[in-house]
C-alpha cells in the first residue's frame, strides 16, 4: 500500500497516531504501565533493543538497564522522578536482548487520565552510540 493510501485509510486520529508511531524507526517509542511493564512497542524499539513485541510486552523495562543500575534501583527511581518532576531525561548505557550495550538518550513522561491519575508512562529512546564513540575517539586524539 502506498504511503498516501495508508494516510487516507487512517481516518481516525487514533489510526493516524498509530500509523505515525509504527512508521518511526530512529526512535524507540513505547509505553509502560504504572509499574514499569511494557505495554506497547514500535519498530524503532525492536531495532534498537532486539525484542519482538510479543517477547517484551508484559516484561519490566528494567531489562534494558545494566545489572549495576538494576542493583541501584535506577529504573524505579527514573519512574519516580518522572512523576515528581513531570519528566525524566538522561543519557546512559542500555542493554539489548543479545546483551550488547548501547549509549542511549532516554526520556520518560508520565501519562495521566483526564482526572489526573497516573495511568502509565511514555518512553522514548534514541541510540547515540555512534556519537559517543566519535566523542571518545576525539578525546583520545587530543
Protein backbone atom coordinates (compact mmCIF):
# COMPACT_ATOMS: atom_id res chain seq x y z
CA UNK A 1 0.00 0.00 0.00
CA UNK A 2 1.42 3.40 -0.98
CA UNK A 3 2.09 5.96 1.78
CA UNK A 4 -0.71 8.29 0.61
CA UNK A 5 -3.12 5.35 0.50
CA UNK A 6 -2.23 4.45 4.10
CA UNK A 7 -2.82 8.06 5.21
CA UNK A 8 -6.23 8.09 3.55
CA UNK A 9 -7.06 4.76 5.17
CA UNK A 10 -6.16 6.15 8.59
CA UNK A 11 -9.35 8.16 9.08
CA UNK A 12 -9.46 8.50 12.83
CA UNK A 13 -6.97 10.39 14.95
CA UNK A 14 -6.15 7.13 16.72
CA UNK A 15 -5.40 5.40 13.41
CA UNK A 16 -3.18 8.31 12.29
CA UNK A 17 -1.33 8.28 15.61
CA UNK A 18 -0.77 4.53 15.39
CA UNK A 19 0.50 4.89 11.81
CA UNK A 20 2.90 7.64 12.92
CA UNK A 21 4.40 5.66 15.80
CA UNK A 22 4.66 2.47 13.75
CA UNK A 23 6.50 4.34 10.98
CA UNK A 24 9.29 5.65 13.23
CA UNK A 25 12.45 3.55 13.29
CA UNK A 26 15.05 6.07 14.53
CA UNK A 27 13.48 6.25 17.99
CA UNK A 28 12.24 3.54 20.30
CA UNK A 29 8.76 4.67 21.34
CA UNK A 30 6.80 2.56 23.75
CA UNK A 31 4.52 2.76 26.74
CA UNK A 32 4.82 1.41 30.25
CA UNK A 33 2.11 0.71 32.77
CA UNK A 34 2.27 2.39 36.21
CA UNK A 35 4.69 -0.26 37.50
CA UNK A 36 7.04 -0.13 34.51
CA UNK A 37 5.83 -3.08 32.42
CA UNK A 38 5.97 -2.62 28.64
CA UNK A 39 2.50 -2.22 27.11
CA UNK A 40 3.35 -1.15 23.53
CA UNK A 41 6.36 -1.45 21.21
CA UNK A 42 7.25 0.28 17.95
CA UNK A 43 9.64 -0.79 15.15
CA UNK A 44 12.34 1.57 16.46
CA UNK A 45 12.23 -0.21 19.82
CA UNK A 46 12.57 -3.55 18.04
CA UNK A 47 15.51 -2.19 16.01
CA UNK A 48 17.45 -0.78 18.98
CA UNK A 49 16.67 -3.34 21.62
CA UNK A 50 16.28 -6.53 19.60
CA UNK A 51 13.00 -7.75 21.09
CA UNK A 52 9.90 -8.54 19.09
CA UNK A 53 6.73 -7.06 20.58
CA UNK A 54 5.41 -10.45 21.71
CA UNK A 55 8.69 -11.13 23.56
CA UNK A 56 8.77 -7.89 25.55
CA UNK A 57 5.20 -6.71 26.11
CA UNK A 58 4.38 -7.51 29.74
CA UNK A 59 8.04 -7.53 30.78
CA UNK A 60 9.51 -4.89 33.09
CA UNK A 61 11.54 -2.17 31.37
CA UNK A 62 14.39 -2.70 33.84
CA UNK A 63 15.57 -5.42 31.40
CA UNK A 64 17.10 -2.59 29.37
CA UNK A 65 19.31 -1.38 32.23
CA UNK A 66 22.70 -2.73 33.23
CA UNK A 67 22.92 -5.10 36.20
CA UNK A 68 24.63 -2.38 38.24
CA UNK A 69 21.79 0.06 37.58
CA UNK A 70 19.17 -2.54 38.44
CA UNK A 71 21.02 -3.23 41.70
CA UNK A 72 20.90 0.50 42.48
CA UNK A 73 17.16 0.61 41.68
CA UNK A 74 17.73 3.13 38.87
CA UNK A 75 14.67 2.07 36.82
CA UNK A 76 12.27 2.63 39.74
CA UNK A 77 13.95 5.93 40.59
CA UNK A 78 13.55 7.04 36.95
CA UNK A 79 9.78 6.47 37.14
CA UNK A 80 9.60 8.25 40.50
CA UNK A 81 11.47 11.24 39.06
CA UNK A 82 9.19 11.33 36.02
CA UNK A 83 6.16 11.53 38.33
CA UNK A 84 7.76 14.06 40.69
CA UNK A 85 9.20 16.40 38.02
CA UNK A 86 6.88 15.72 35.08
CA UNK A 87 9.75 14.14 33.12
CA UNK A 88 12.87 12.00 33.41
CA UNK A 89 15.68 12.60 30.91
CA UNK A 90 19.17 11.04 30.90
CA UNK A 91 21.88 9.51 28.79
CA UNK A 92 23.46 6.21 29.73
CA UNK A 93 24.22 2.64 28.78
CA UNK A 94 21.28 0.40 27.94
CA UNK A 95 21.23 -3.31 27.19
CA UNK A 96 19.92 -5.09 24.09
CA UNK A 97 18.33 -8.53 24.02
CA UNK A 98 21.67 -10.05 22.92
CA UNK A 99 23.42 -8.49 25.94
CA UNK A 100 25.32 -5.83 24.00
CA UNK A 101 25.20 -2.29 25.30
CA UNK A 102 24.37 0.95 23.50
CA UNK A 103 24.55 4.58 24.59
CA UNK A 104 21.03 5.96 24.83
CA UNK A 105 19.26 9.24 25.33
CA UNK A 106 16.11 8.40 27.29
CA UNK A 107 13.00 10.43 28.07
CA UNK A 108 10.20 9.15 30.28
CA UNK A 109 6.99 11.17 30.57
CA UNK A 110 4.15 10.29 32.94
CA UNK A 111 0.74 9.81 31.32
CA UNK A 112 -2.31 10.85 33.28
CA UNK A 113 -6.00 10.17 32.93
CA UNK A 114 -8.40 13.08 32.34
CA UNK A 115 -8.90 13.03 36.13
CA UNK A 116 -5.17 13.42 36.71
CA UNK A 117 -4.49 9.87 37.89
CA UNK A 118 -1.25 8.25 36.73
CA UNK A 119 -2.02 5.55 34.16
CA UNK A 120 1.47 4.87 32.84
CA UNK A 121 4.49 6.31 31.08
CA UNK A 122 5.61 7.18 27.56
CA UNK A 123 9.23 6.22 26.94
CA UNK A 124 11.38 7.45 24.05
CA UNK A 125 14.91 6.19 23.48
CA UNK A 126 17.46 7.25 20.86
CA UNK A 127 20.61 5.24 20.16
CA UNK A 128 23.57 7.65 20.38
CA UNK A 129 26.33 5.02 20.32
CA UNK A 130 27.94 6.40 17.15
CA UNK A 131 28.11 9.88 18.64
CA UNK A 132 29.52 8.52 21.91
CA UNK A 133 32.21 6.54 20.04
CA UNK A 134 33.15 9.59 17.95
CA UNK A 135 33.47 11.71 21.10
CA UNK A 136 35.68 9.05 22.70
CA UNK A 137 37.95 8.93 19.63
CA UNK A 138 38.22 12.71 19.60
CA UNK A 139 39.08 12.75 23.30
CA UNK A 140 41.77 10.09 22.75
CA UNK A 141 43.32 12.07 19.90
CA UNK A 142 43.62 15.23 22.00
